[in-house]
Structure formats: structure tokens, C-alpha cells
Amino acid sequence: MPLALGHALWRYRGLVLGSVKREFQSRYRNSLLGAAWTVFQPLAMITVYTVVFSQLMQARLPGVNDPFAYSIYLCSGLLTWGLFAEIVQRCQTVFLDNGNMIKKLSFPRICLPAIVVSSALVNFAITFAVFLAFLLITGHFPSWVLLAIIPLLLVHVMFATGMGIAVGVLNVFFRDVGQFISILLQFWFWFTPIVYSSTTLPAAVRPWIRLNPLTSFAQAYQGIFVNGLWPQWSSLWPSAVLAFILCILALNLFRNRSAEMVDEL
């Protein structure tokens, strides 16, 4: 079944890529600066976090004495969260938002979440490139350890995509799902060590934080960029297995309910 969906995506790759391109262009169609805003927005984010947290508030990480350490730590976590949240939030309404298209045109429905994921990856790549430039300028570029991003990002996107597709299908039949996910993501953000370090939490709380699948992703990114360390792959295995299972379950749910979604839309 995943192979069949993959084959369908390959056949309709022009639709996916064209849709991502049109979405990107339409975002800045009537803007004087155009696509330059895609650089200015993450640059502004990095600047604010560096000035406010590293300089004015003198925020520090336990055991790390570097004026840029906390802003790098924070940006690493926000990159992790931003990609995950964008995929899940947009996938949860992708079938509802494209209801007329689903009813009138014949095409593999899996193209819709594929467009969402591809668009999110484009946005992530632009922000990530600006972040890397910041690291290079400040002398914090992680060298060869950066290669660990490739498998880490693959599992990260797999987890977000699996959850996004499952939520998107369920939201067609039960509209409360979308409302619940919006609330859940707010709590989930603060349950993930992005703004704080898990080492600063009480010992009794840390095991609960480790149960969060995004904790291992966030800590792996933060370890790469803050400390220049390779991820502890053993700590990522549970999240990787969960991401794989979630993707299989989500694709099965999508296949079994794809025909019924047309009647509900």
C-alpha cells in the first residue's frame, strides 16, 4: 500500500511541485520585496532571540558559558517545533480546505498532504539556511556533525506526516478533532524542552518529559548546534519506531476512508 501511494505521488509529481511553487509565489505576489520576506522573517526571529535572551536577559544554559548559547538552543528547538506544528496544523484541514477540488477532479488524494509537507520543508529550508548563516558568522557552525540532520530530519518529518494525515482524515468525520489538536499543540509546546532545558526541571518531572516523542528530536537538534555533538541514536529509536508505526496506521486509515471522505465533504 505505501508503494502504491508512492507510485501515485511519482506519477503526479508535477501537480505536487507545481502546487508548492504556486503557493510560494502567491504568498508574496503583491509584496514590494517579494520572496525577500522569507529571509527577513527568520532573520528577525534570530536577531530578537539573540538580543533579548542572550544580551538583555543574560540567559544561560547550565554548564555552557557562551553569550550565543541560549539563542542557538532556542532557535534549534523552535525549528524543530515549527516544522512539526506546520505539517500537523495544515494537514488537519487540508482535505476540508480542498473539498471542492476533491469532488470535481480525479487525482490521488495523497497529493494534498504531500503538497503540505513539501511546502513546509521549503519554509524550513529557508529558515534553516538563515540559521546556518548566523552560526557561521558567529563562529558556531557545527562542521561535520551537521550531517546528522539528514536521518534526524527524515524521522522528524515522518512522525509529523503520520500524525498530520491521521488527524486530517479524522477531522473530516469529526470536526472536534481539529479544535482538540489546536489546544493540544499549545500544551505540547510547553511539554517539549524548547524554551527551557530538561536538566533544570525537578528529577521527578524529567521521566515524563522524556515520554514526549518531540523531546528526543529537540534535544538531538540542540546537541548538534549548541554542543557540536552527534545525537544519541539509542534515545531516538523509540521515536523512530513510533514515527514508522504512526505513518503505517495513518496511511491505512487514509486508504480505508478515502472514498467516504468525498461524501462527508
C-alpha atoms as a PDB file:
ATOM      1  CA  MET A   1       0.000   0.000   0.000  1.00  0.00           C
ATOM      2  CA  PRO A   2       2.753   2.570   0.779  1.00  0.00           C
ATOM      3  CA  LEU A   3       4.418   1.551  -2.505  1.00  0.00           C
ATOM      4  CA  ALA A   4       1.166   2.173  -4.401  1.00  0.00           C
ATOM      5  CA  LEU A   5       0.814   5.610  -2.828  1.00  0.00           C
ATOM      6  CA  GLY A   6       4.448   6.349  -3.600  1.00  0.00           C
ATOM      7  CA  HIS A   7       3.906   5.366  -7.220  1.00  0.00           C
ATOM      8  CA  ALA A   8       0.836   7.621  -7.399  1.00  0.00           C
ATOM      9  CA  LEU A   9       2.823  10.529  -5.972  1.00  0.00           C
ATOM     10  CA  TRP A  10       5.585   9.977  -8.516  1.00  0.00           C
ATOM     11  CA  ARG A  11       3.083   9.969 -11.384  1.00  0.00           C
ATOM     12  CA  TYR A  12       1.540  13.216 -10.119  1.00  0.00           C
ATOM     13  CA  ARG A  13       4.785  14.845  -9.011  1.00  0.00           C
ATOM     14  CA  GLY A  14       4.109  17.691 -11.426  1.00  0.00           C
ATOM     15  CA  LEU A  15       0.892  18.510  -9.564  1.00  0.00           C
ATOM     16  CA  VAL A  16       2.674  18.463  -6.204  1.00  0.00           C
ATOM     17  CA  LEU A  17       5.658  20.565  -7.282  1.00  0.00           C
ATOM     18  CA  GLY A  18       3.501  22.976  -9.267  1.00  0.00           C
ATOM     19  CA  SER A  19       1.176  23.489  -6.310  1.00  0.00           C
ATOM     20  CA  VAL A  20       4.097  24.161  -3.955  1.00  0.00           C
ATOM     21  CA  LYS A  21       5.538  26.672  -6.432  1.00  0.00           C
ATOM     22  CA  ARG A  22       2.204  28.465  -6.892  1.00  0.00           C
ATOM     23  CA  GLU A  23       1.650  28.605  -3.139  1.00  0.00           C
ATOM     24  CA  PHE A  24       5.080  30.112  -2.580  1.00  0.00           C
ATOM     25  CA  GLN A  25       4.602  32.699  -5.333  1.00  0.00           C
ATOM     26  CA  SER A  26       1.080  33.667  -4.256  1.00  0.00           C
ATOM     27  CA  ARG A  27       2.263  34.332  -0.718  1.00  0.00           C
ATOM     28  CA  TYR A  28       4.320  37.334  -1.884  1.00  0.00           C
ATOM     29  CA  ARG A  29       2.526  38.223  -5.139  1.00  0.00           C
ATOM     30  CA  ASN A  30       1.600  41.816  -4.211  1.00  0.00           C
ATOM     31  CA  SER A  31       4.621  42.447  -1.993  1.00  0.00           C
ATOM     32  CA  LEU A  32       7.264  45.001  -2.966  1.00  0.00           C
ATOM     33  CA  LEU A  33      10.087  42.920  -1.510  1.00  0.00           C
ATOM     34  CA  GLY A  34       8.620  39.624  -2.696  1.00  0.00           C
ATOM     35  CA  ALA A  35      10.447  36.474  -1.656  1.00  0.00           C
ATOM     36  CA  ALA A  36      12.970  38.545   0.328  1.00  0.00           C
ATOM     37  CA  TRP A  37      10.487  38.373   3.223  1.00  0.00           C
ATOM     38  CA  THR A  38      11.263  34.656   3.527  1.00  0.00           C
ATOM     39  CA  VAL A  39      14.758  35.695   4.618  1.00  0.00           C
ATOM     40  CA  PHE A  40      13.800  38.730   6.699  1.00  0.00           C
ATOM     41  CA  GLN A  41      11.294  36.854   8.884  1.00  0.00           C
ATOM     42  CA  PRO A  42      13.681  34.159  10.224  1.00  0.00           C
ATOM     43  CA  LEU A  43      16.455  36.756  10.405  1.00  0.00           C
ATOM     44  CA  ALA A  44      14.252  38.942  12.606  1.00  0.00           C
ATOM     45  CA  MET A  45      13.410  35.936  14.789  1.00  0.00           C
ATOM     46  CA  ILE A  46      17.072  35.052  15.303  1.00  0.00           C
ATOM     47  CA  THR A  47      18.003  38.688  15.995  1.00  0.00           C
ATOM     48  CA  VAL A  48      15.269  39.125  18.614  1.00  0.00           C
ATOM     49  CA  TYR A  49      16.148  35.917  20.429  1.00  0.00           C
ATOM     50  CA  THR A  50      19.857  36.734  20.376  1.00  0.00           C
ATOM     51  CA  VAL A  51      19.450  40.301  21.664  1.00  0.00           C
ATOM     52  CA  VAL A  52      16.650  39.699  24.172  1.00  0.00           C
ATOM     53  CA  PHE A  53      17.682  36.361  25.645  1.00  0.00           C
ATOM     54  CA  SER A  54      21.448  36.363  25.210  1.00  0.00           C
ATOM     55  CA  GLN A  55      22.193  40.010  25.921  1.00  0.00           C
ATOM     56  CA  LEU A  56      19.423  41.807  27.832  1.00  0.00           C
ATOM     57  CA  MET A  57      18.247  38.894  29.971  1.00  0.00           C
ATOM     58  CA  GLN A  58      21.680  37.271  30.122  1.00  0.00           C
ATOM     59  CA  ALA A  59      20.024  33.858  29.834  1.00  0.00           C
ATOM     60  CA  ARG A  60      22.402  30.967  30.170  1.00  0.00           C
ATOM     61  CA  LEU A  61      22.298  27.222  29.790  1.00  0.00           C
ATOM     62  CA  PRO A  62      23.560  25.110  32.696  1.00  0.00           C
ATOM     63  CA  GLY A  63      27.222  24.343  32.139  1.00  0.00           C
ATOM     64  CA  VAL A  64      27.536  26.439  28.955  1.00  0.00           C
ATOM     65  CA  ASN A  65      29.272  29.805  29.171  1.00  0.00           C
ATOM     66  CA  ASP A  66      28.660  31.376  25.774  1.00  0.00           C
ATOM     67  CA  PRO A  67      26.674  34.562  25.014  1.00  0.00           C
ATOM     68  CA  PHE A  68      25.045  32.929  21.968  1.00  0.00           C
ATOM     69  CA  ALA A  69      24.369  29.517  23.510  1.00  0.00           C
ATOM     70  CA  TYR A  70      20.811  30.140  24.658  1.00  0.00           C
ATOM     71  CA  SER A  71      19.673  31.834  21.441  1.00  0.00           C
ATOM     72  CA  ILE A  72      21.116  28.906  19.435  1.00  0.00           C
ATOM     73  CA  TYR A  73      19.435  26.465  21.802  1.00  0.00           C
ATOM     74  CA  LEU A  74      16.118  28.297  21.496  1.00  0.00           C
ATOM     75  CA  CYS A  75      16.272  28.621  17.704  1.00  0.00           C
ATOM     76  CA  SER A  76      17.149  24.929  17.358  1.00  0.00           C
ATOM     77  CA  GLY A  77      14.122  23.945  19.377  1.00  0.00           C
ATOM     78  CA  LEU A  78      11.832  26.354  17.551  1.00  0.00           C
ATOM     79  CA  LEU A  79      12.976  24.980  14.192  1.00  0.00           C
ATOM     80  CA  THR A  80      12.083  21.505  15.444  1.00  0.00           C
ATOM     81  CA  TRP A  81       8.698  22.595  16.694  1.00  0.00           C
ATOM     82  CA  GLY A  82       7.909  24.889  13.771  1.00  0.00           C
ATOM     83  CA  LEU A  83       8.270  22.156  11.152  1.00  0.00           C
ATOM     84  CA  PHE A  84       6.225  19.683  13.195  1.00  0.00           C
ATOM     85  CA  ALA A  85       3.458  22.167  14.026  1.00  0.00           C
ATOM     86  CA  GLU A  86       3.157  23.485  10.469  1.00  0.00           C
ATOM     87  CA  ILE A  87       2.743  19.999   8.994  1.00  0.00           C
ATOM     88  CA  VAL A  88       0.206  18.890  11.607  1.00  0.00           C
ATOM     89  CA  GLN A  89      -1.826  22.113  11.610  1.00  0.00           C
ATOM     90  CA  ARG A  90      -2.063  22.354   7.837  1.00  0.00           C
ATOM     91  CA  CYS A  91      -2.722  18.637   7.336  1.00  0.00           C
ATOM     92  CA  GLN A  92      -5.597  18.703   9.804  1.00  0.00           C
ATOM     93  CA  THR A  93      -7.624  20.921   7.432  1.00  0.00           C
ATOM     94  CA  VAL A  94      -6.089  20.014   4.062  1.00  0.00           C
ATOM     95  CA  PHE A  95      -8.987  17.760   2.993  1.00  0.00           C
ATOM     96  CA  LEU A  96     -11.623  20.211   4.232  1.00  0.00           C
ATOM     97  CA  ASP A  97      -9.945  23.176   2.544  1.00  0.00           C
ATOM     98  CA  ASN A  98      -9.752  21.309  -0.774  1.00  0.00           C
ATOM     99  CA  GLY A  99     -13.190  19.706  -0.639  1.00  0.00           C
ATOM    100  CA  ASN A 100     -14.336  21.173  -3.970  1.00  0.00           C
ATOM    101  CA  MET A 101     -11.145  20.063  -5.666  1.00  0.00           C
ATOM    102  CA  ILE A 102     -11.563  16.519  -4.322  1.00  0.00           C
ATOM    103  CA  LYS A 103     -15.151  16.338  -5.582  1.00  0.00           C
ATOM    104  CA  LYS A 104     -14.551  17.769  -9.051  1.00  0.00           C
ATOM    105  CA  LEU A 105     -11.125  16.438 -10.057  1.00  0.00           C
ATOM    106  CA  SER A 106      -9.741  12.933 -10.301  1.00  0.00           C
ATOM    107  CA  PHE A 107      -6.291  12.694  -8.735  1.00  0.00           C
ATOM    108  CA  PRO A 108      -4.627  10.756  -5.901  1.00  0.00           C
ATOM    109  CA  ARG A 109      -5.827  12.364  -2.662  1.00  0.00           C
ATOM    110  CA  ILE A 110      -2.450  11.650  -1.081  1.00  0.00           C
ATOM    111  CA  CYS A 111      -1.099  14.518  -3.185  1.00  0.00           C
ATOM    112  CA  LEU A 112      -2.763  17.006  -0.837  1.00  0.00           C
ATOM    113  CA  PRO A 113      -0.773  16.126   2.311  1.00  0.00           C
ATOM    114  CA  ALA A 114       2.299  15.728   0.079  1.00  0.00           C
ATOM    115  CA  ILE A 115       1.876  19.350  -1.018  1.00  0.00           C
ATOM    116  CA  VAL A 116       1.585  20.452   2.606  1.00  0.00           C
ATOM    117  CA  VAL A 117       4.729  18.561   3.649  1.00  0.00           C
ATOM    118  CA  SER A 118       6.713  19.798   0.638  1.00  0.00           C
ATOM    119  CA  SER A 119       5.677  23.399   1.276  1.00  0.00           C
ATOM    120  CA  ALA A 120       6.599  23.091   4.965  1.00  0.00           C
ATOM    121  CA  LEU A 121      10.017  21.708   4.004  1.00  0.00           C
ATOM    122  CA  VAL A 122      10.614  24.656   1.666  1.00  0.00           C
ATOM    123  CA  ASN A 123       9.824  27.074   4.505  1.00  0.00           C
ATOM    124  CA  PHE A 124      12.024  25.063   6.858  1.00  0.00           C
ATOM    125  CA  ALA A 125      14.906  25.042   4.357  1.00  0.00           C
ATOM    126  CA  ILE A 126      14.841  28.841   4.027  1.00  0.00           C
ATOM    127  CA  THR A 127      14.758  29.420   7.794  1.00  0.00           C
ATOM    128  CA  PHE A 128      17.403  26.733   8.298  1.00  0.00           C
ATOM    129  CA  ALA A 129      19.701  28.378   5.729  1.00  0.00           C
ATOM    130  CA  VAL A 130      19.427  31.718   7.553  1.00  0.00           C
ATOM    131  CA  PHE A 131      20.125  29.958  10.857  1.00  0.00           C
ATOM    132  CA  LEU A 132      23.225  28.279   9.394  1.00  0.00           C
ATOM    133  CA  ALA A 133      24.454  31.654   8.130  1.00  0.00           C
ATOM    134  CA  PHE A 134      24.017  33.029  11.662  1.00  0.00           C
ATOM    135  CA  LEU A 135      26.021  30.105  13.084  1.00  0.00           C
ATOM    136  CA  LEU A 136      28.760  30.631  10.504  1.00  0.00           C
ATOM    137  CA  ILE A 137      29.029  34.367  11.215  1.00  0.00           C
ATOM    138  CA  THR A 138      29.142  33.873  14.996  1.00  0.00           C
ATOM    139  CA  GLY A 139      31.661  31.013  14.767  1.00  0.00           C
ATOM    140  CA  HIS A 140      29.291  28.286  15.975  1.00  0.00           C
ATOM    141  CA  PHE A 141      28.986  26.227  12.803  1.00  0.00           C
ATOM    142  CA  PRO A 142      28.841  22.531  13.851  1.00  0.00           C
ATOM    143  CA  SER A 143      31.075  21.211  10.997  1.00  0.00           C
ATOM    144  CA  TRP A 144      30.621  17.536  10.028  1.00  0.00           C
ATOM    145  CA  VAL A 145      28.174  16.890  12.841  1.00  0.00           C
ATOM    146  CA  LEU A 146      25.666  18.750  10.663  1.00  0.00           C
ATOM    147  CA  LEU A 147      25.308  15.592   8.542  1.00  0.00           C
ATOM    148  CA  ALA A 148      23.346  14.035  11.404  1.00  0.00           C
ATOM    149  CA  ILE A 149      20.496  16.365  10.395  1.00  0.00           C
ATOM    150  CA  ILE A 150      19.681  14.148   7.387  1.00  0.00           C
ATOM    151  CA  PRO A 151      18.453  10.997   9.210  1.00  0.00           C
ATOM    152  CA  LEU A 152      17.121  13.119  12.074  1.00  0.00           C
ATOM    153  CA  LEU A 153      15.033  15.252   9.736  1.00  0.00           C
ATOM    154  CA  LEU A 154      13.747  12.168   7.912  1.00  0.00           C
ATOM    155  CA  VAL A 155      12.340  10.625  11.106  1.00  0.00           C
ATOM    156  CA  HIS A 156      11.110  14.010  12.318  1.00  0.00           C
ATOM    157  CA  VAL A 157       9.113  14.616   9.113  1.00  0.00           C
ATOM    158  CA  MET A 158       7.840  11.025   9.112  1.00  0.00           C
ATOM    159  CA  PHE A 159       6.422  11.485  12.604  1.00  0.00           C
ATOM    160  CA  ALA A 160       4.789  14.822  11.745  1.00  0.00           C
ATOM    161  CA  THR A 161       3.382  13.498   8.451  1.00  0.00           C
ATOM    162  CA  GLY A 162       1.913  10.381  10.038  1.00  0.00           C
ATOM    163  CA  MET A 163       0.202  12.418  12.725  1.00  0.00           C
ATOM    164  CA  GLY A 164      -0.914  15.068  10.245  1.00  0.00           C
ATOM    165  CA  ILE A 165      -2.554  12.610   7.832  1.00  0.00           C
ATOM    166  CA  ALA A 166      -4.317  10.751  10.655  1.00  0.00           C
ATOM    167  CA  VAL A 167      -5.640  13.994  12.145  1.00  0.00           C
ATOM    168  CA  GLY A 168      -6.635  15.284   8.702  1.00  0.00           C
ATOM    169  CA  VAL A 169      -8.725  12.201   7.908  1.00  0.00           C
ATOM    170  CA  LEU A 170     -10.368  12.113  11.336  1.00  0.00           C
ATOM    171  CA  ASN A 171     -11.153  15.820  11.138  1.00  0.00           C
ATOM    172  CA  VAL A 172     -13.296  15.209   8.055  1.00  0.00           C
ATOM    173  CA  PHE A 173     -15.608  12.933  10.037  1.00  0.00           C
ATOM    174  CA  PHE A 174     -15.274  14.525  13.484  1.00  0.00           C
ATOM    175  CA  ARG A 175     -14.755  18.304  13.345  1.00  0.00           C
ATOM    176  CA  ASP A 176     -13.938  18.394  17.049  1.00  0.00           C
ATOM    177  CA  VAL A 177     -10.600  16.750  16.216  1.00  0.00           C
ATOM    178  CA  GLY A 178      -9.266  19.958  14.685  1.00  0.00           C
ATOM    179  CA  GLN A 179     -10.268  22.008  17.728  1.00  0.00           C
ATOM    180  CA  PHE A 180      -8.722  19.446  20.071  1.00  0.00           C
ATOM    181  CA  ILE A 181      -5.426  19.364  18.157  1.00  0.00           C
ATOM    182  CA  SER A 182      -5.153  23.162  18.276  1.00  0.00           C
ATOM    183  CA  ILE A 183      -5.416  23.052  22.072  1.00  0.00           C
ATOM    184  CA  LEU A 184      -3.172  20.001  22.341  1.00  0.00           C
ATOM    185  CA  LEU A 185      -0.374  21.705  20.396  1.00  0.00           C
ATOM    186  CA  GLN A 186      -0.361  24.613  22.843  1.00  0.00           C
ATOM    187  CA  PHE A 187       0.233  22.267  25.775  1.00  0.00           C
ATOM    188  CA  TRP A 188       2.600  20.084  23.740  1.00  0.00           C
ATOM    189  CA  PHE A 189       4.877  23.050  23.019  1.00  0.00           C
ATOM    190  CA  TRP A 190       5.476  23.692  26.715  1.00  0.00           C
ATOM    191  CA  PHE A 191       5.829  19.981  27.391  1.00  0.00           C
ATOM    192  CA  THR A 192       8.815  19.979  24.994  1.00  0.00           C
ATOM    193  CA  PRO A 193      12.209  21.316  26.193  1.00  0.00           C
ATOM    194  CA  ILE A 194      12.470  24.247  23.789  1.00  0.00           C
ATOM    195  CA  VAL A 195      12.378  27.358  25.964  1.00  0.00           C
ATOM    196  CA  TYR A 196      13.888  25.534  28.941  1.00  0.00           C
ATOM    197  CA  SER A 197      16.413  22.751  29.419  1.00  0.00           C
ATOM    198  CA  SER A 198      15.190  19.460  30.851  1.00  0.00           C
ATOM    199  CA  THR A 199      18.198  19.483  33.214  1.00  0.00           C
ATOM    200  CA  THR A 200      16.656  22.461  35.038  1.00  0.00           C
ATOM    201  CA  LEU A 201      13.479  20.518  35.844  1.00  0.00           C
ATOM    202  CA  PRO A 202      12.919  18.557  39.055  1.00  0.00           C
ATOM    203  CA  ALA A 203      14.081  14.943  38.847  1.00  0.00           C
ATOM    204  CA  ALA A 204      10.519  13.672  39.293  1.00  0.00           C
ATOM    205  CA  VAL A 205       9.365  15.543  36.156  1.00  0.00           C
ATOM    206  CA  ARG A 206      12.146  14.514  33.763  1.00  0.00           C
ATOM    207  CA  PRO A 207      10.877  10.956  33.055  1.00  0.00           C
ATOM    208  CA  TRP A 208       7.539  12.423  31.964  1.00  0.00           C
ATOM    209  CA  ILE A 209       9.267  14.882  29.637  1.00  0.00           C
ATOM    210  CA  ARG A 210      11.241  12.014  28.081  1.00  0.00           C
ATOM    211  CA  LEU A 211       7.959  10.284  27.167  1.00  0.00           C
ATOM    212  CA  ASN A 212       7.301  13.121  24.742  1.00  0.00           C
ATOM    213  CA  PRO A 213       8.499  11.954  21.262  1.00  0.00           C
ATOM    214  CA  LEU A 214       9.469  15.505  20.324  1.00  0.00           C
ATOM    215  CA  THR A 215      11.823  15.716  23.294  1.00  0.00           C
ATOM    216  CA  SER A 216      14.338  13.378  21.644  1.00  0.00           C
ATOM    217  CA  PHE A 217      14.128  15.327  18.375  1.00  0.00           C
ATOM    218  CA  ALA A 218      14.547  18.722  20.049  1.00  0.00           C
ATOM    219  CA  GLN A 219      17.458  17.541  22.208  1.00  0.00           C
ATOM    220  CA  ALA A 220      19.180  15.986  19.188  1.00  0.00           C
ATOM    221  CA  TYR A 221      18.975  19.259  17.211  1.00  0.00           C
ATOM    222  CA  GLN A 222      20.064  21.264  20.240  1.00  0.00           C
ATOM    223  CA  GLY A 223      23.002  18.936  20.877  1.00  0.00           C
ATOM    224  CA  ILE A 224      24.178  19.346  17.286  1.00  0.00           C
ATOM    225  CA  PHE A 225      24.019  23.132  17.186  1.00  0.00           C
ATOM    226  CA  VAL A 226      24.822  24.096  20.786  1.00  0.00           C
ATOM    227  CA  ASN A 227      27.433  21.489  21.687  1.00  0.00           C
ATOM    228  CA  GLY A 228      28.505  20.161  18.275  1.00  0.00           C
ATOM    229  CA  LEU A 229      27.686  16.595  19.368  1.00  0.00           C
ATOM    230  CA  TRP A 230      26.317  13.694  17.355  1.00  0.00           C
ATOM    231  CA  PRO A 231      22.840  12.644  18.505  1.00  0.00           C
ATOM    232  CA  GLN A 232      22.491   9.726  20.894  1.00  0.00           C
ATOM    233  CA  TRP A 233      20.898   7.413  18.354  1.00  0.00           C
ATOM    234  CA  SER A 234      19.764   4.980  21.043  1.00  0.00           C
ATOM    235  CA  SER A 235      17.483   7.650  22.516  1.00  0.00           C
ATOM    236  CA  LEU A 236      15.957   8.283  19.076  1.00  0.00           C
ATOM    237  CA  TRP A 237      14.992   4.671  18.336  1.00  0.00           C
ATOM    238  CA  PRO A 238      11.684   4.789  20.250  1.00  0.00           C
ATOM    239  CA  SER A 239      10.658   7.946  18.380  1.00  0.00           C
ATOM    240  CA  ALA A 240      11.749   6.425  15.059  1.00  0.00           C
ATOM    241  CA  VAL A 241       9.715   3.254  15.667  1.00  0.00           C
ATOM    242  CA  LEU A 242       6.727   5.354  16.759  1.00  0.00           C
ATOM    243  CA  ALA A 243       7.040   7.507  13.624  1.00  0.00           C
ATOM    244  CA  PHE A 244       7.104   4.417  11.382  1.00  0.00           C
ATOM    245  CA  ILE A 245       4.081   2.833  13.092  1.00  0.00           C
ATOM    246  CA  LEU A 246       2.192   6.133  13.008  1.00  0.00           C
ATOM    247  CA  CYS A 247       2.834   6.520   9.276  1.00  0.00           C
ATOM    248  CA  ILE A 248       1.610   2.986   8.517  1.00  0.00           C
ATOM    249  CA  LEU A 249      -1.537   3.445  10.612  1.00  0.00           C
ATOM    250  CA  ALA A 250      -2.218   6.869   9.081  1.00  0.00           C
ATOM    251  CA  LEU A 251      -1.824   5.590   5.514  1.00  0.00           C
ATOM    252  CA  ASN A 252      -4.101   2.638   6.254  1.00  0.00           C
ATOM    253  CA  LEU A 253      -6.683   4.997   7.734  1.00  0.00           C
ATOM    254  CA  PHE A 254      -6.388   7.226   4.682  1.00  0.00           C
ATOM    255  CA  ARG A 255      -6.798   4.308   2.268  1.00  0.00           C
ATOM    256  CA  ASN A 256      -9.814   2.875   4.100  1.00  0.00           C
ATOM    257  CA  ARG A 257     -11.628   6.205   4.468  1.00  0.00           C
ATOM    258  CA  SER A 258     -10.591   7.957   1.263  1.00  0.00           C
ATOM    259  CA  ALA A 259     -13.792   7.120  -0.614  1.00  0.00           C
ATOM    260  CA  GLU A 260     -16.017   8.024   2.354  1.00  0.00           C
ATOM    261  CA  MET A 261     -14.354  11.439   2.699  1.00  0.00           C
ATOM    262  CA  VAL A 262     -15.878  12.554  -0.604  1.00  0.00           C
ATOM    263  CA  ASP A 263     -19.388  12.032   0.800  1.00  0.00           C
ATOM    264  CA  GLU A 264     -18.559  13.896   4.007  1.00  0.00           C
ATOM    265  CA  LEU A 265     -17.030  16.931   2.313  1.00  0.00           C
END
